[in-house]
Amino acid sequence: MENAPKNNRHNLEPESLQDLQVCLYDWQSYNFGEDQDNDLTMLGIYEEAGELCHAQLKLEQNIRGDTQKHEEEMIDAIGDMMIYSMNYLSGMDAKFPSFASRKDVKIAGEDDQKIVRAAVKSTFRLAAKLDGKDGDERRVRNVLHQLDYLCALKGWDLEKVVRGTWKLVSQRDWKMYPKTGRPSVAVSAHDEVEPIAMKQSEAQEQPAAPASQ
């Protein structure tokens, strides 16, 4: 990103998602250099889309954990997809788009898993269309809007998911701790942060604050 301000990588509470993109770019530049390989970033988006599908599959199969575990894995994948997508846009010198969370979507119930499954599959297919060619900015926007729709179906607040993921990402220093990004004495992410997914109804009742992964 041209003319991006420096020293924002430790800002845990950027005012907007557009500001978060600038902070993320500074973090990325510090840890991995300013000349990021957007092809690798694309692989990251693919990877997380696959993990999203895996979590939905195991949730519906009712194996390898309970619903809470699989939904936490879905939230983790969504947050990481958003972070990778922000980085991908930065690599094209494109700004993160403004969008309003969907309010017209009915939250899916226990009997609506086929609807959620369809949304997860659509997310994967849209992510797979990224190819590093002209039009990818539009394709990334399509992925973002699909993630927003999926979160609305699940009753999650997408912005809080992203902010929670950023709170964790920003604490990692891959230059100082190349093996894990964190000191070896650090506790796990799940031990030191609160749940990331706030239901939309709760988000309306509480002041906005970054949640955590």
C-alpha atoms as a PDB file:
ATOM      1  CA  MET A   1       0.000   0.000   0.000  1.00  0.00           C
ATOM      2  CA  GLU A   2       1.476   3.284  -1.048  1.00  0.00           C
ATOM      3  CA  ASN A   3       2.092   5.927   1.634  1.00  0.00           C
ATOM      4  CA  ALA A   4       0.806   3.668   4.412  1.00  0.00           C
ATOM      5  CA  PRO A   5       1.748   5.053   7.855  1.00  0.00           C
ATOM      6  CA  LYS A   6       4.167   3.004   9.952  1.00  0.00           C
ATOM      7  CA  ASN A   7       4.130   1.694  13.529  1.00  0.00           C
ATOM      8  CA  ASN A   8       0.455   0.701  13.518  1.00  0.00           C
ATOM      9  CA  ARG A   9       1.034  -3.000  13.971  1.00  0.00           C
ATOM     10  CA  HIS A  10       0.339  -2.877  17.709  1.00  0.00           C
ATOM     11  CA  ASN A  11      -2.909  -0.904  17.395  1.00  0.00           C
ATOM     12  CA  LEU A  12      -5.450  -3.387  18.755  1.00  0.00           C
ATOM     13  CA  GLU A  13      -8.473  -1.162  18.230  1.00  0.00           C
ATOM     14  CA  PRO A  14      -8.380   0.546  14.820  1.00  0.00           C
ATOM     15  CA  GLU A  15     -11.423   2.718  14.224  1.00  0.00           C
ATOM     16  CA  SER A  16     -12.599   0.952  11.079  1.00  0.00           C
ATOM     17  CA  LEU A  17     -11.837  -2.154   9.070  1.00  0.00           C
ATOM     18  CA  GLN A  18     -10.143   0.107   6.545  1.00  0.00           C
ATOM     19  CA  ASP A  19      -7.838   1.305   9.332  1.00  0.00           C
ATOM     20  CA  LEU A  20      -7.317  -2.306  10.379  1.00  0.00           C
ATOM     21  CA  GLN A  21      -6.116  -3.071   6.855  1.00  0.00           C
ATOM     22  CA  VAL A  22      -3.434  -0.369   7.229  1.00  0.00           C
ATOM     23  CA  CYS A  23      -2.381  -1.796  10.605  1.00  0.00           C
ATOM     24  CA  LEU A  24      -2.243  -5.265   9.111  1.00  0.00           C
ATOM     25  CA  TYR A  25      -0.081  -4.038   6.238  1.00  0.00           C
ATOM     26  CA  ASP A  26       2.362  -2.528   8.714  1.00  0.00           C
ATOM     27  CA  TRP A  27       2.420  -5.803  10.674  1.00  0.00           C
ATOM     28  CA  GLN A  28       2.933  -7.807   7.493  1.00  0.00           C
ATOM     29  CA  SER A  29       5.736  -5.503   6.304  1.00  0.00           C
ATOM     30  CA  TYR A  30       7.522  -5.714   9.660  1.00  0.00           C
ATOM     31  CA  ASN A  31       7.319  -9.498   9.869  1.00  0.00           C
ATOM     32  CA  PHE A  32       7.717 -10.555   6.244  1.00  0.00           C
ATOM     33  CA  GLY A  33       8.854  -7.516   4.260  1.00  0.00           C
ATOM     34  CA  GLU A  34       6.986  -4.972   2.193  1.00  0.00           C
ATOM     35  CA  ASP A  35       7.248  -6.938  -1.056  1.00  0.00           C
ATOM     36  CA  GLN A  36       4.685  -9.571  -0.149  1.00  0.00           C
ATOM     37  CA  ASP A  37       4.028 -12.471  -2.481  1.00  0.00           C
ATOM     38  CA  ASN A  38       0.343 -12.234  -3.287  1.00  0.00           C
ATOM     39  CA  ASP A  39       0.428 -15.742  -4.704  1.00  0.00           C
ATOM     40  CA  LEU A  40       1.222 -17.049  -1.218  1.00  0.00           C
ATOM     41  CA  THR A  41      -1.534 -14.904   0.248  1.00  0.00           C
ATOM     42  CA  MET A  42      -3.909 -16.485  -2.241  1.00  0.00           C
ATOM     43  CA  LEU A  43      -2.860 -19.922  -0.986  1.00  0.00           C
ATOM     44  CA  GLY A  44      -3.699 -18.748   2.535  1.00  0.00           C
ATOM     45  CA  ILE A  45      -7.226 -17.858   1.431  1.00  0.00           C
ATOM     46  CA  TYR A  46      -7.575 -21.288  -0.208  1.00  0.00           C
ATOM     47  CA  GLU A  47      -6.296 -23.000   2.936  1.00  0.00           C
ATOM     48  CA  GLU A  48      -8.768 -21.272   5.233  1.00  0.00           C
ATOM     49  CA  ALA A  49     -11.660 -21.909   2.846  1.00  0.00           C
ATOM     50  CA  GLY A  50     -10.785 -25.600   3.081  1.00  0.00           C
ATOM     51  CA  GLU A  51     -10.710 -25.445   6.880  1.00  0.00           C
ATOM     52  CA  LEU A  52     -14.121 -23.778   6.846  1.00  0.00           C
ATOM     53  CA  CYS A  53     -15.497 -26.679   4.790  1.00  0.00           C
ATOM     54  CA  HIS A  54     -13.800 -29.192   7.111  1.00  0.00           C
ATOM     55  CA  ALA A  55     -15.392 -27.656  10.205  1.00  0.00           C
ATOM     56  CA  GLN A  56     -18.864 -27.654   8.623  1.00  0.00           C
ATOM     57  CA  LEU A  57     -18.416 -31.263   7.507  1.00  0.00           C
ATOM     58  CA  LYS A  58     -17.454 -32.500  10.980  1.00  0.00           C
ATOM     59  CA  LEU A  59     -20.250 -30.471  12.542  1.00  0.00           C
ATOM     60  CA  GLU A  60     -22.820 -32.165  10.328  1.00  0.00           C
ATOM     61  CA  GLN A  61     -21.223 -35.584  10.837  1.00  0.00           C
ATOM     62  CA  ASN A  62     -21.270 -34.920  14.586  1.00  0.00           C
ATOM     63  CA  ILE A  63     -17.770 -36.335  15.047  1.00  0.00           C
ATOM     64  CA  ARG A  64     -14.390 -35.097  16.296  1.00  0.00           C
ATOM     65  CA  GLY A  65     -15.907 -32.674  18.776  1.00  0.00           C
ATOM     66  CA  ASP A  66     -19.139 -30.969  19.678  1.00  0.00           C
ATOM     67  CA  THR A  67     -20.987 -28.135  17.950  1.00  0.00           C
ATOM     68  CA  GLN A  68     -19.149 -25.484  19.935  1.00  0.00           C
ATOM     69  CA  LYS A  69     -15.751 -26.805  18.873  1.00  0.00           C
ATOM     70  CA  HIS A  70     -16.673 -26.934  15.199  1.00  0.00           C
ATOM     71  CA  GLU A  71     -18.261 -23.491  15.259  1.00  0.00           C
ATOM     72  CA  GLU A  72     -15.124 -22.083  16.888  1.00  0.00           C
ATOM     73  CA  GLU A  73     -13.126 -23.623  14.044  1.00  0.00           C
ATOM     74  CA  MET A  74     -15.489 -22.031  11.520  1.00  0.00           C
ATOM     75  CA  ILE A  75     -15.051 -18.653  13.181  1.00  0.00           C
ATOM     76  CA  ASP A  76     -11.291 -19.109  13.165  1.00  0.00           C
ATOM     77  CA  ALA A  77     -11.326 -19.898   9.440  1.00  0.00           C
ATOM     78  CA  ILE A  78     -13.582 -16.936   8.650  1.00  0.00           C
ATOM     79  CA  GLY A  79     -11.374 -14.545  10.605  1.00  0.00           C
ATOM     80  CA  ASP A  80      -8.239 -15.841   8.901  1.00  0.00           C
ATOM     81  CA  MET A  81      -9.873 -15.618   5.470  1.00  0.00           C
ATOM     82  CA  MET A  82     -10.696 -11.993   6.157  1.00  0.00           C
ATOM     83  CA  ILE A  83      -7.144 -11.234   7.264  1.00  0.00           C
ATOM     84  CA  TYR A  84      -5.682 -12.938   4.197  1.00  0.00           C
ATOM     85  CA  SER A  85      -8.181 -11.096   1.993  1.00  0.00           C
ATOM     86  CA  MET A  86      -7.139  -7.754   3.473  1.00  0.00           C
ATOM     87  CA  ASN A  87      -3.515  -8.632   2.758  1.00  0.00           C
ATOM     88  CA  TYR A  88      -4.412  -9.717  -0.751  1.00  0.00           C
ATOM     89  CA  LEU A  89      -6.098  -6.371  -1.423  1.00  0.00           C
ATOM     90  CA  SER A  90      -3.073  -4.552   0.006  1.00  0.00           C
ATOM     91  CA  GLY A  91      -0.872  -6.494  -2.388  1.00  0.00           C
ATOM     92  CA  MET A  92      -2.948  -5.029  -5.225  1.00  0.00           C
ATOM     93  CA  ASP A  93      -2.823  -1.575  -3.601  1.00  0.00           C
ATOM     94  CA  ALA A  94      -6.599  -1.801  -3.173  1.00  0.00           C
ATOM     95  CA  LYS A  95      -8.591  -0.652  -0.170  1.00  0.00           C
ATOM     96  CA  PHE A  96     -10.822  -2.861   1.914  1.00  0.00           C
ATOM     97  CA  PRO A  97     -14.420  -2.148   0.856  1.00  0.00           C
ATOM     98  CA  SER A  98     -17.017  -0.572   3.067  1.00  0.00           C
ATOM     99  CA  PHE A  99     -20.016  -2.763   3.735  1.00  0.00           C
ATOM    100  CA  ALA A 100     -22.841  -3.067   6.229  1.00  0.00           C
ATOM    101  CA  SER A 101     -23.508  -6.372   7.927  1.00  0.00           C
ATOM    102  CA  ARG A 102     -26.552  -8.168   6.582  1.00  0.00           C
ATOM    103  CA  LYS A 103     -29.680  -7.546   8.635  1.00  0.00           C
ATOM    104  CA  ASP A 104     -32.093  -9.198   6.212  1.00  0.00           C
ATOM    105  CA  VAL A 105     -30.917 -12.770   6.812  1.00  0.00           C
ATOM    106  CA  LYS A 106     -32.773 -15.124   9.128  1.00  0.00           C
ATOM    107  CA  ILE A 107     -30.465 -16.904  11.552  1.00  0.00           C
ATOM    108  CA  ALA A 108     -30.286 -20.586  10.655  1.00  0.00           C
ATOM    109  CA  GLY A 109     -31.689 -23.059  13.150  1.00  0.00           C
ATOM    110  CA  GLU A 110     -30.616 -26.613  13.893  1.00  0.00           C
ATOM    111  CA  ASP A 111     -32.733 -27.881  10.993  1.00  0.00           C
ATOM    112  CA  ASP A 112     -31.172 -25.450   8.504  1.00  0.00           C
ATOM    113  CA  GLN A 113     -27.756 -27.047   8.128  1.00  0.00           C
ATOM    114  CA  LYS A 114     -28.263 -27.537   4.392  1.00  0.00           C
ATOM    115  CA  ILE A 115     -28.623 -23.767   4.034  1.00  0.00           C
ATOM    116  CA  VAL A 116     -25.409 -23.201   5.992  1.00  0.00           C
ATOM    117  CA  ARG A 117     -23.683 -25.945   4.019  1.00  0.00           C
ATOM    118  CA  ALA A 118     -24.653 -24.246   0.756  1.00  0.00           C
ATOM    119  CA  ALA A 119     -23.225 -20.944   2.020  1.00  0.00           C
ATOM    120  CA  VAL A 120     -19.966 -22.648   3.028  1.00  0.00           C
ATOM    121  CA  LYS A 121     -19.683 -24.326  -0.386  1.00  0.00           C
ATOM    122  CA  SER A 122     -20.326 -21.005  -2.133  1.00  0.00           C
ATOM    123  CA  THR A 123     -17.589 -19.410  -0.053  1.00  0.00           C
ATOM    124  CA  PHE A 124     -15.142 -22.106  -1.142  1.00  0.00           C
ATOM    125  CA  ARG A 125     -16.092 -21.773  -4.802  1.00  0.00           C
ATOM    126  CA  LEU A 126     -15.717 -17.984  -4.737  1.00  0.00           C
ATOM    127  CA  ALA A 127     -12.312 -18.234  -3.056  1.00  0.00           C
ATOM    128  CA  ALA A 128     -11.193 -20.769  -5.677  1.00  0.00           C
ATOM    129  CA  LYS A 129     -11.906 -18.233  -8.440  1.00  0.00           C
ATOM    130  CA  LEU A 130      -8.996 -16.050  -7.318  1.00  0.00           C
ATOM    131  CA  ASP A 131      -6.261 -16.472  -9.893  1.00  0.00           C
ATOM    132  CA  GLY A 132      -3.916 -13.495  -9.603  1.00  0.00           C
ATOM    133  CA  LYS A 133      -5.279 -11.924 -12.768  1.00  0.00           C
ATOM    134  CA  ASP A 134      -7.340  -8.867 -13.624  1.00  0.00           C
ATOM    135  CA  GLY A 135     -10.631  -8.882 -11.791  1.00  0.00           C
ATOM    136  CA  ASP A 136      -9.337 -10.321  -8.523  1.00  0.00           C
ATOM    137  CA  GLU A 137     -10.270  -7.180  -6.598  1.00  0.00           C
ATOM    138  CA  ARG A 138     -13.891  -7.832  -7.553  1.00  0.00           C
ATOM    139  CA  ARG A 139     -13.498 -11.525  -6.737  1.00  0.00           C
ATOM    140  CA  VAL A 140     -12.143 -10.747  -3.275  1.00  0.00           C
ATOM    141  CA  ARG A 141     -15.112  -8.466  -2.653  1.00  0.00           C
ATOM    142  CA  ASN A 142     -17.404 -11.333  -3.598  1.00  0.00           C
ATOM    143  CA  VAL A 143     -15.664 -13.550  -1.033  1.00  0.00           C
ATOM    144  CA  LEU A 144     -16.053 -10.875   1.645  1.00  0.00           C
ATOM    145  CA  HIS A 145     -19.754 -10.428   0.973  1.00  0.00           C
ATOM    146  CA  GLN A 146     -20.260 -14.191   1.044  1.00  0.00           C
ATOM    147  CA  LEU A 147     -18.505 -14.403   4.421  1.00  0.00           C
ATOM    148  CA  ASP A 148     -20.787 -11.640   5.661  1.00  0.00           C
ATOM    149  CA  TYR A 149     -23.809 -13.654   4.512  1.00  0.00           C
ATOM    150  CA  LEU A 150     -22.495 -16.806   6.199  1.00  0.00           C
ATOM    151  CA  CYS A 151     -21.948 -14.942   9.462  1.00  0.00           C
ATOM    152  CA  ALA A 152     -25.469 -13.537   9.264  1.00  0.00           C
ATOM    153  CA  LEU A 153     -26.818 -17.072   8.842  1.00  0.00           C
ATOM    154  CA  LYS A 154     -24.927 -18.181  11.946  1.00  0.00           C
ATOM    155  CA  GLY A 155     -25.847 -15.083  13.926  1.00  0.00           C
ATOM    156  CA  TRP A 156     -22.229 -13.929  14.197  1.00  0.00           C
ATOM    157  CA  ASP A 157     -20.939 -10.393  13.864  1.00  0.00           C
ATOM    158  CA  LEU A 158     -18.356 -10.428  11.071  1.00  0.00           C
ATOM    159  CA  GLU A 159     -16.579  -7.263  12.171  1.00  0.00           C
ATOM    160  CA  LYS A 160     -16.102  -8.647  15.671  1.00  0.00           C
ATOM    161  CA  VAL A 161     -14.735 -11.854  14.189  1.00  0.00           C
ATOM    162  CA  VAL A 162     -12.168  -9.888  12.172  1.00  0.00           C
ATOM    163  CA  ARG A 163     -11.220  -7.665  15.073  1.00  0.00           C
ATOM    164  CA  GLY A 164     -10.756 -10.665  17.323  1.00  0.00           C
ATOM    165  CA  THR A 165      -8.506 -12.328  14.784  1.00  0.00           C
ATOM    166  CA  TRP A 166      -6.485  -9.127  14.415  1.00  0.00           C
ATOM    167  CA  LYS A 167      -6.035  -8.905  18.174  1.00  0.00           C
ATOM    168  CA  LEU A 168      -4.289 -12.269  18.083  1.00  0.00           C
ATOM    169  CA  VAL A 169      -2.371 -11.717  14.858  1.00  0.00           C
ATOM    170  CA  SER A 170      -0.991  -8.373  16.004  1.00  0.00           C
ATOM    171  CA  GLN A 171       0.628  -9.996  19.050  1.00  0.00           C
ATOM    172  CA  ARG A 172       2.749 -12.322  16.925  1.00  0.00           C
ATOM    173  CA  ASP A 173       6.325 -11.349  16.145  1.00  0.00           C
ATOM    174  CA  TRP A 174       7.759 -13.767  13.601  1.00  0.00           C
ATOM    175  CA  LYS A 175      11.074 -11.932  13.426  1.00  0.00           C
ATOM    176  CA  MET A 176      11.752 -12.324  17.137  1.00  0.00           C
ATOM    177  CA  TYR A 177      10.082 -15.734  17.545  1.00  0.00           C
ATOM    178  CA  PRO A 178      10.406 -17.483  14.148  1.00  0.00           C
ATOM    179  CA  LYS A 179       9.091 -20.839  15.377  1.00  0.00           C
ATOM    180  CA  THR A 180       5.797 -19.786  16.924  1.00  0.00           C
ATOM    181  CA  GLY A 181       5.535 -16.027  16.590  1.00  0.00           C
ATOM    182  CA  ARG A 182       5.315 -15.764  20.363  1.00  0.00           C
ATOM    183  CA  PRO A 183       7.449 -16.363  23.457  1.00  0.00           C
ATOM    184  CA  SER A 184       7.510 -20.007  24.496  1.00  0.00           C
ATOM    185  CA  VAL A 185       5.995 -19.100  27.876  1.00  0.00           C
ATOM    186  CA  ALA A 186       2.876 -17.638  26.285  1.00  0.00           C
ATOM    187  CA  VAL A 187      -0.373 -19.419  27.044  1.00  0.00           C
ATOM    188  CA  SER A 188      -2.530 -20.614  24.199  1.00  0.00           C
ATOM    189  CA  ALA A 189      -4.782 -18.192  22.387  1.00  0.00           C
ATOM    190  CA  HIS A 190      -7.892 -19.876  23.764  1.00  0.00           C
ATOM    191  CA  ASP A 191      -6.640 -19.416  27.324  1.00  0.00           C
ATOM    192  CA  GLU A 192      -6.000 -15.699  27.137  1.00  0.00           C
ATOM    193  CA  VAL A 193      -8.900 -14.302  25.184  1.00  0.00           C
ATOM    194  CA  GLU A 194     -12.655 -14.251  25.354  1.00  0.00           C
ATOM    195  CA  PRO A 195     -14.878 -15.931  22.735  1.00  0.00           C
ATOM    196  CA  ILE A 196     -14.712 -14.161  19.403  1.00  0.00           C
ATOM    197  CA  ALA A 197     -18.220 -14.719  18.083  1.00  0.00           C
ATOM    198  CA  MET A 198     -20.825 -12.408  19.475  1.00  0.00           C
ATOM    199  CA  LYS A 199     -24.347 -12.978  18.305  1.00  0.00           C
ATOM    200  CA  GLN A 200     -25.786 -10.075  16.342  1.00  0.00           C
ATOM    201  CA  SER A 201     -28.473  -9.581  18.968  1.00  0.00           C
ATOM    202  CA  GLU A 202     -25.790  -9.240  21.651  1.00  0.00           C
ATOM    203  CA  ALA A 203     -23.778  -6.890  19.473  1.00  0.00           C
ATOM    204  CA  GLN A 204     -26.743  -4.537  19.281  1.00  0.00           C
ATOM    205  CA  GLU A 205     -27.051  -4.456  23.051  1.00  0.00           C
ATOM    206  CA  GLN A 206     -23.375  -3.927  23.880  1.00  0.00           C
ATOM    207  CA  PRO A 207     -20.920  -1.227  22.849  1.00  0.00           C
ATOM    208  CA  ALA A 208     -18.587  -2.267  20.066  1.00  0.00           C
ATOM    209  CA  ALA A 209     -15.335  -3.749  21.310  1.00  0.00           C
ATOM    210  CA  PRO A 210     -12.845  -6.075  19.641  1.00  0.00           C
ATOM    211  CA  ALA A 211     -13.466  -9.652  20.606  1.00  0.00           C
ATOM    212  CA  SER A 212     -10.806 -12.305  20.438  1.00  0.00           C
ATOM    213  CA  GLN A 213     -10.133 -15.542  18.676  1.00  0.00           C
END
